[in-house]
Amino acid sequence: MTDELIASGPVLLELDSDGVARLRLNRPDAANGMNMDLLQALHAAIMRVHGEPGVRAVILSGEGPHFCAGGDVRDFASKGEGLPDYLREATAWLQIAVSSLVQLKPPVIAAVHGFAAGGGGFGLACAADFVVAADSAKFMSGAVRVGMAPDAGTTVTLSRLVGLRRAMDILLTNPTLTAAEALDAGLATKVVPGEVLHDEALALARTLTALPPQALAATKRLLWRGTGASLEAQLPEEARTVSELSGTADAREGLAAVIERRPAHFTGT
């Protein structure tokens, strides 16, 4: 059974009974290009996921032939001399959407097909916890080539994923990366044939929903925090988290399942 939490508009949200939330960008005629309406709807949808305790994993995808081609350039061009003020507000919405996505407790899987470009598509891919890419997918920053600078946090997230030198090359020279190149660079987690993209993303999501959600959330938080922290700062945070998790029913169940040599059944408590 699937509940349609947001059934219409530029962003759609569904929740399966098994705890998989499907978050879909829904401006296919504009390659899911980001305008103010989509950005505000994206933030609202992510916050709705934050408020759904039953969500165990999130699949982020795009309707139509592309994941997201970045900002809606026609929308931008229509603003004329008002573009700087418009982009100041638009990038603020993009920033809080990306930050909210990273801070989601359940892991986020970006299922990427077509283009993932600009702060919208490329930035969302960098902010996801997993990227399952169709073999025909393309990744590109594209900001510098139109006289802009990268946004959506990619000046931080990309270098953490691929290293500083590779990030410099990607953001300054703006190559169009194939799915295979994105996988080799560390931007993509897995590359699959396009016809099974959503099946593969769902299979990964269901693997995650079978695991203890508090442990997943804590591990995700530690990893994102740890990329900018020193080892000395991270070690006590790891110790505190392990101690805290050891008091959960899921931790007791996990230990019992190992001892009894049986599959574990986690309840999220």
Protein backbone atom coordinates (compact mmCIF):
# COMPACT_ATOMS: atom_id res chain seq x y z
CA MET A 1 0.00 0.00 0.00
CA THR A 2 1.23 3.50 -0.87
CA ASP A 3 0.11 6.77 0.70
CA GLU A 4 0.27 9.88 -1.48
CA LEU A 5 1.49 12.48 0.99
CA ILE A 6 1.91 15.14 -1.74
CA ALA A 7 -0.05 14.11 -4.82
CA SER A 8 0.36 17.12 -7.11
CA GLY A 9 2.64 20.05 -7.79
CA PRO A 10 6.32 20.44 -8.70
CA VAL A 11 7.42 17.84 -6.11
CA LEU A 12 5.58 14.59 -5.37
CA LEU A 13 5.90 12.46 -2.24
CA GLU A 14 4.67 8.93 -1.63
CA LEU A 15 5.22 6.63 1.35
CA ASP A 16 5.16 2.86 0.92
CA SER A 17 3.94 0.65 3.72
CA ASP A 18 7.46 -0.79 4.03
CA GLY A 19 8.88 2.62 5.01
CA VAL A 20 10.28 3.78 1.65
CA ALA A 21 9.50 7.42 0.83
CA ARG A 22 9.58 8.30 -2.87
CA LEU A 23 10.42 11.95 -3.45
CA ARG A 24 10.04 12.97 -7.10
CA LEU A 25 10.83 16.23 -8.86
CA ASN A 26 7.85 16.91 -11.10
CA ARG A 27 8.56 19.51 -13.78
CA PRO A 28 9.35 17.10 -16.63
CA ASP A 29 8.64 19.62 -19.40
CA ALA A 30 11.41 21.83 -17.97
CA ALA A 31 13.83 18.93 -17.31
CA ASN A 32 12.91 19.39 -13.63
CA GLY A 33 14.64 22.75 -13.74
CA MET A 34 14.46 24.54 -10.43
CA ASN A 35 12.35 27.66 -10.09
CA MET A 36 11.06 29.19 -6.87
CA ASP A 37 7.93 27.04 -6.77
CA LEU A 38 9.91 23.80 -7.08
CA LEU A 39 12.50 24.86 -4.51
CA GLN A 40 9.86 25.77 -1.94
CA ALA A 41 7.95 22.56 -2.67
CA LEU A 42 11.14 20.50 -2.34
CA HIS A 43 11.86 21.95 1.07
CA ALA A 44 8.27 21.36 2.16
CA ALA A 45 8.39 17.75 0.99
CA ILE A 46 11.68 17.06 2.78
CA MET A 47 10.27 18.56 5.96
CA ARG A 48 7.22 16.32 5.56
CA VAL A 49 9.59 13.34 5.46
CA HIS A 50 11.25 14.66 8.63
CA GLY A 51 7.83 14.48 10.29
CA GLU A 52 7.08 10.89 9.23
CA PRO A 53 8.64 8.54 11.83
CA GLY A 54 7.85 5.47 9.73
CA VAL A 55 10.23 6.46 6.92
CA ARG A 56 13.26 4.15 6.81
CA ALA A 57 14.75 5.16 3.43
CA VAL A 58 14.16 7.86 0.79
CA ILE A 59 14.42 7.54 -2.98
CA LEU A 60 14.91 10.88 -4.75
CA SER A 61 14.22 10.87 -8.50
CA GLY A 62 12.97 13.03 -11.33
CA GLU A 63 9.95 12.67 -13.60
CA GLY A 64 10.49 12.68 -17.37
CA PRO A 65 13.75 12.20 -19.26
CA HIS A 66 16.06 13.89 -16.72
CA PHE A 67 16.80 13.76 -13.00
CA CYS A 68 17.29 17.54 -12.86
CA ALA A 69 18.99 19.88 -15.31
CA GLY A 70 19.72 22.51 -12.63
CA GLY A 71 18.20 25.97 -12.42
CA ASP A 72 15.41 26.92 -14.81
CA VAL A 73 17.40 29.20 -17.12
CA ARG A 74 14.29 30.55 -18.88
CA ASP A 75 12.84 31.50 -15.53
CA PHE A 76 16.12 33.18 -14.58
CA ALA A 77 16.36 35.08 -17.87
CA SER A 78 12.84 36.44 -17.45
CA LYS A 79 13.86 38.31 -14.28
CA GLY A 80 16.04 40.81 -16.14
CA GLU A 81 17.75 43.26 -13.80
CA GLY A 82 15.92 41.67 -10.87
CA LEU A 83 17.83 38.42 -11.29
CA PRO A 84 20.35 39.00 -8.44
CA ASP A 85 17.56 39.49 -5.90
CA TYR A 86 15.63 36.53 -7.30
CA LEU A 87 18.67 34.25 -7.13
CA ARG A 88 19.48 35.40 -3.63
CA GLU A 89 16.11 34.07 -2.51
CA ALA A 90 16.23 30.98 -4.75
CA THR A 91 19.66 29.92 -3.53
CA ALA A 92 18.51 30.40 0.06
CA TRP A 93 15.68 27.92 -0.56
CA LEU A 94 18.11 25.54 -2.29
CA GLN A 95 20.51 25.77 0.63
CA ILE A 96 17.92 24.91 3.24
CA ALA A 97 16.55 22.08 1.06
CA VAL A 98 20.01 20.55 0.68
CA SER A 99 20.78 21.00 4.36
CA SER A 100 17.46 19.39 5.29
CA LEU A 101 18.20 16.48 2.95
CA VAL A 102 21.59 15.84 4.56
CA GLN A 103 20.05 16.08 8.02
CA LEU A 104 17.30 13.54 7.29
CA LYS A 105 17.64 10.58 9.61
CA PRO A 106 16.81 7.94 6.97
CA PRO A 107 19.40 7.47 4.21
CA VAL A 108 18.69 9.13 0.88
CA ILE A 109 19.17 7.34 -2.45
CA ALA A 110 19.33 9.51 -5.58
CA ALA A 111 18.15 7.53 -8.60
CA VAL A 112 19.75 9.49 -11.45
CA HIS A 113 18.82 9.25 -15.12
CA GLY A 114 19.39 11.72 -17.93
CA PHE A 115 21.17 14.85 -16.71
CA ALA A 116 22.06 15.73 -13.13
CA ALA A 117 23.36 19.24 -13.71
CA GLY A 118 23.81 22.53 -11.92
CA GLY A 119 23.16 23.25 -8.29
CA GLY A 120 19.84 21.47 -8.56
CA GLY A 121 20.67 18.13 -10.11
CA PHE A 122 24.39 17.89 -9.46
CA GLY A 123 24.04 19.41 -6.00
CA LEU A 124 21.26 17.04 -4.94
CA ALA A 125 23.31 14.06 -6.14
CA CYS A 126 26.27 15.24 -4.06
CA ALA A 127 24.02 15.64 -1.00
CA ALA A 128 22.49 12.17 -1.27
CA ASP A 129 23.87 9.28 0.75
CA PHE A 130 23.77 6.90 -2.22
CA VAL A 131 23.66 7.57 -5.96
CA VAL A 132 22.32 4.82 -8.18
CA ALA A 133 22.85 5.99 -11.76
CA ALA A 134 21.48 4.74 -15.05
CA ASP A 135 24.31 3.82 -17.41
CA SER A 136 23.24 6.66 -19.72
CA ALA A 137 23.19 9.31 -16.94
CA LYS A 138 25.32 12.45 -17.22
CA PHE A 139 26.69 14.63 -14.42
CA MET A 140 27.82 18.24 -14.81
CA SER A 141 28.24 21.25 -12.57
CA GLY A 142 27.96 23.83 -15.35
CA ALA A 143 28.03 26.95 -13.17
CA VAL A 144 31.29 28.51 -14.31
CA ARG A 145 30.50 28.08 -18.00
CA VAL A 146 27.55 30.48 -17.62
CA GLY A 147 29.41 32.99 -15.48
CA MET A 148 28.09 31.69 -12.17
CA ALA A 149 29.62 29.86 -9.20
CA PRO A 150 28.66 26.44 -7.83
CA ASP A 151 25.98 26.30 -5.15
CA ALA A 152 23.89 23.75 -3.23
CA GLY A 153 26.93 23.07 -1.07
CA THR A 154 28.88 21.39 -3.88
CA THR A 155 32.06 23.30 -3.03
CA VAL A 156 32.03 21.23 0.17
CA THR A 157 30.24 17.98 -0.65
CA LEU A 158 31.98 17.29 -3.97
CA SER A 159 35.51 17.61 -2.60
CA ARG A 160 34.56 15.28 0.25
CA LEU A 161 33.34 12.73 -2.28
CA VAL A 162 36.08 12.91 -4.91
CA GLY A 163 38.97 14.85 -3.34
CA LEU A 164 40.11 18.44 -3.79
CA ARG A 165 42.04 18.04 -7.06
CA ARG A 166 39.24 16.16 -8.80
CA ALA A 167 36.66 18.62 -7.47
CA MET A 168 38.71 21.52 -8.84
CA ASP A 169 38.71 19.88 -12.26
CA ILE A 170 34.97 19.15 -12.21
CA LEU A 171 33.86 22.56 -10.93
CA LEU A 172 36.31 24.74 -12.87
CA THR A 173 36.49 23.00 -16.26
CA ASN A 174 32.91 21.67 -16.19
CA PRO A 175 33.29 18.33 -17.96
CA THR A 176 30.19 16.27 -18.62
CA LEU A 177 30.81 13.07 -16.69
CA THR A 178 29.37 9.80 -17.89
CA ALA A 179 27.86 7.47 -15.31
CA ALA A 180 30.99 5.30 -15.52
CA GLU A 181 33.21 8.33 -14.91
CA ALA A 182 31.05 9.42 -11.98
CA LEU A 183 31.39 5.93 -10.50
CA ASP A 184 35.15 5.95 -10.99
CA ALA A 185 35.44 9.39 -9.37
CA GLY A 186 33.39 8.39 -6.33
CA LEU A 187 30.36 10.54 -7.15
CA ALA A 188 28.11 7.57 -7.96
CA THR A 189 27.63 4.51 -5.77
CA LYS A 190 26.43 2.12 -8.46
CA VAL A 191 25.72 2.17 -12.21
CA VAL A 192 22.94 0.01 -13.62
CA PRO A 193 21.09 -0.39 -16.94
CA GLY A 194 18.54 2.35 -17.33
CA GLU A 195 15.59 -0.01 -17.56
CA VAL A 196 16.24 -1.36 -14.05
CA LEU A 197 17.26 1.92 -12.39
CA HIS A 198 14.21 2.26 -10.18
CA ASP A 199 14.13 -1.45 -9.35
CA GLU A 200 17.77 -1.25 -8.22
CA ALA A 201 17.14 1.88 -6.16
CA LEU A 202 14.14 0.22 -4.53
CA ALA A 203 16.14 -2.94 -3.80
CA LEU A 204 18.79 -0.83 -2.05
CA ALA A 205 16.08 1.03 -0.14
CA ARG A 206 14.55 -2.24 1.04
CA THR A 207 17.97 -3.47 2.16
CA LEU A 208 18.22 -0.33 4.28
CA THR A 209 14.68 -0.61 5.69
CA ALA A 210 15.57 -4.03 7.09
CA LEU A 211 18.35 -2.52 9.22
CA PRO A 212 17.95 -0.74 12.58
CA PRO A 213 16.94 2.84 11.76
CA GLN A 214 18.54 4.48 14.79
CA ALA A 215 21.88 2.88 13.96
CA LEU A 216 21.57 3.98 10.32
CA ALA A 217 20.70 7.54 11.31
CA ALA A 218 23.58 7.73 13.79
CA THR A 219 26.06 6.33 11.28
CA LYS A 220 24.89 8.77 8.60
CA ARG A 221 25.24 11.66 11.03
CA LEU A 222 28.73 10.56 12.11
CA LEU A 223 29.90 10.21 8.51
CA TRP A 224 28.64 13.62 7.40
CA ARG A 225 30.01 15.24 10.55
CA GLY A 226 33.26 13.33 10.36
CA THR A 227 34.23 14.56 6.92
CA GLY A 228 34.86 18.00 8.42
CA ALA A 229 36.07 16.96 11.86
CA SER A 230 39.43 15.90 13.23
CA LEU A 231 40.00 12.35 14.41
CA GLU A 232 40.43 13.63 17.95
CA ALA A 233 37.05 15.36 17.84
CA GLN A 234 35.26 12.44 16.20
CA LEU A 235 36.43 9.62 18.50
CA PRO A 236 34.49 10.78 21.60
CA GLU A 237 31.41 11.41 19.46
CA GLU A 238 31.62 7.85 18.15
CA ALA A 239 32.01 6.51 21.70
CA ARG A 240 29.03 8.53 22.94
CA THR A 241 26.88 7.31 20.05
CA VAL A 242 27.82 3.65 20.51
CA SER A 243 27.03 3.85 24.21
CA GLU A 244 23.69 5.51 23.51
CA LEU A 245 22.70 2.95 20.86
CA SER A 246 23.63 0.04 23.11
CA GLY A 247 20.60 0.84 25.24
CA THR A 248 18.12 0.39 22.40
CA ALA A 249 15.91 -2.64 21.86
CA ASP A 250 17.32 -2.99 18.35
CA ALA A 251 20.86 -3.34 19.70
CA ARG A 252 19.73 -6.05 22.11
CA GLU A 253 17.87 -7.77 19.28
CA GLY A 254 20.93 -7.58 17.02
CA LEU A 255 23.16 -9.18 19.63
CA ALA A 256 20.60 -11.87 20.41
CA ALA A 257 20.21 -12.69 16.71
CA VAL A 258 23.97 -13.16 16.35
CA ILE A 259 24.14 -15.42 19.41
CA GLU A 260 21.08 -17.42 18.37
CA ARG A 261 22.16 -17.55 14.71
CA ARG A 262 18.90 -16.25 13.34
CA PRO A 263 17.79 -13.24 11.30
CA ALA A 264 17.27 -10.09 13.34
CA HIS A 265 13.94 -8.28 13.43
CA PHE A 266 14.39 -4.58 14.10
CA THR A 267 11.55 -2.38 15.29
CA GLY A 268 13.21 1.05 15.46
CA THR A 269 13.11 1.14 19.25
